Protein backbone atom coordinates (compact mmCIF):
# COMPACT_ATOMS: atom_id res chain seq x y z
CA MET A 1 0.63 133.45 105.49
CA ASN A 2 4.35 133.74 104.82
CA SER A 3 6.57 130.92 103.59
CA VAL A 4 8.08 130.26 107.04
CA GLU A 5 4.63 129.89 108.59
CA SER A 6 3.45 127.71 105.71
CA LYS A 7 6.44 125.37 106.02
CA ILE A 8 6.02 125.16 109.81
CA ILE A 9 2.32 124.30 109.52
CA ASN A 10 3.11 121.59 106.98
CA LEU A 11 5.84 120.16 109.23
CA LEU A 12 3.45 120.30 112.17
CA LYS A 13 0.80 118.34 110.25
CA GLN A 14 3.39 115.73 109.25
CA THR A 15 4.77 115.43 112.78
CA ILE A 16 1.58 115.12 114.81
CA LYS A 17 -0.15 112.71 112.40
CA ARG A 18 -3.60 113.48 113.79
CA ASP A 19 -6.81 114.21 111.98
CA LEU A 20 -7.90 117.71 112.94
CA ASP A 21 -11.34 119.14 112.29
CA PHE A 22 -9.99 122.69 111.93
CA GLU A 23 -7.34 124.55 109.98
CA ILE A 24 -4.04 125.23 111.72
CA THR A 25 -3.24 128.95 111.77
CA GLY A 26 -0.69 131.15 113.46
CA GLU A 27 -2.96 131.52 116.47
CA THR A 28 -3.36 127.76 116.96
CA ASN A 29 -2.32 126.81 120.50
CA LEU A 30 -0.16 123.71 120.40
CA ILE A 31 -1.32 122.33 123.75
CA LYS A 32 -4.94 123.48 124.00
CA ASP A 33 -5.92 123.05 120.35
CA ILE A 34 -3.73 120.17 119.16
CA SER A 35 -2.83 118.44 122.44
CA ILE A 36 0.83 118.36 121.44
CA ASP A 37 3.13 116.95 124.12
CA SER A 38 6.79 117.61 124.84
CA LEU A 39 7.95 114.66 122.70
CA ASP A 40 5.88 115.90 119.75
CA LEU A 41 7.39 119.35 120.23
CA LEU A 42 10.92 117.95 120.24
CA LEU A 43 10.20 115.94 117.10
CA LEU A 44 8.67 118.99 115.45
CA PHE A 45 11.67 121.17 116.25
CA GLY A 46 14.00 118.46 114.98
CA GLU A 47 12.19 118.64 111.65
CA ILE A 48 12.14 122.44 111.72
CA CYS A 49 15.87 122.63 112.44
CA ASP A 50 16.57 120.27 109.54
CA GLU A 51 14.27 122.16 107.18
CA PHE A 52 15.62 125.61 107.95
CA GLY A 53 19.23 124.72 108.84
CA ILE A 54 19.03 126.26 112.30
CA ASP A 55 19.81 125.15 115.84
CA VAL A 56 17.32 125.58 118.67
CA ASP A 57 18.24 124.62 122.20
CA GLU A 58 15.67 122.54 124.07
CA THR A 59 15.52 125.16 126.82
CA GLU A 60 14.15 127.64 124.28
CA LEU A 61 11.06 125.50 123.70
CA ALA A 62 9.50 126.20 127.11
CA SER A 63 8.06 129.50 125.91
CA ILE A 64 6.47 128.03 122.78
CA GLU A 65 2.66 128.00 122.94
CA THR A 66 1.36 128.84 119.47
CA VAL A 67 2.33 128.41 115.84
CA ASN A 68 3.16 132.13 115.80
CA ASP A 69 5.64 131.52 118.65
CA ILE A 70 7.38 128.92 116.47
CA VAL A 71 7.40 131.29 113.49
CA SER A 72 8.92 134.03 115.64
CA LYS A 73 11.59 131.69 117.01
CA VAL A 74 12.52 130.38 113.55
CA THR A 75 12.55 133.87 112.03
CA ALA A 76 14.82 135.12 114.83
CA LYS A 77 17.21 132.20 114.31
CA LEU A 78 17.28 132.79 110.56
CA ASN A 79 18.02 136.49 111.13
CA GLU A 80 20.83 135.56 113.54
CA GLN A 81 22.33 133.37 110.82
CA LYS A 82 22.13 136.21 108.29
CA GLU A 83 23.86 138.58 110.71
CA LYS A 84 26.66 136.07 111.35
CA THR A 85 27.08 135.61 107.61
CA TYR A 86 27.40 139.37 107.09
CA GLU A 87 29.92 139.65 109.95
CA THR A 88 32.32 137.14 108.38
């Protein structure tokens, strides 16, 4: 597990505030496994954006199904930021 995934899982646990009888992994499906709803997802991404200093548009959340999807989205946004930093 990389540091981005670890931070996201911790933020997910803090955001959903549910007792789960399994470990959250990259393959965990947010809807099927955790029963996360759209409000929970918005709250989670608010926390993620604050933690990582990124911006994610709400329209980008429609394709998010698993923890790995979140990790990919955050990693892409962080890479975009690095590229912008190198361009300036």
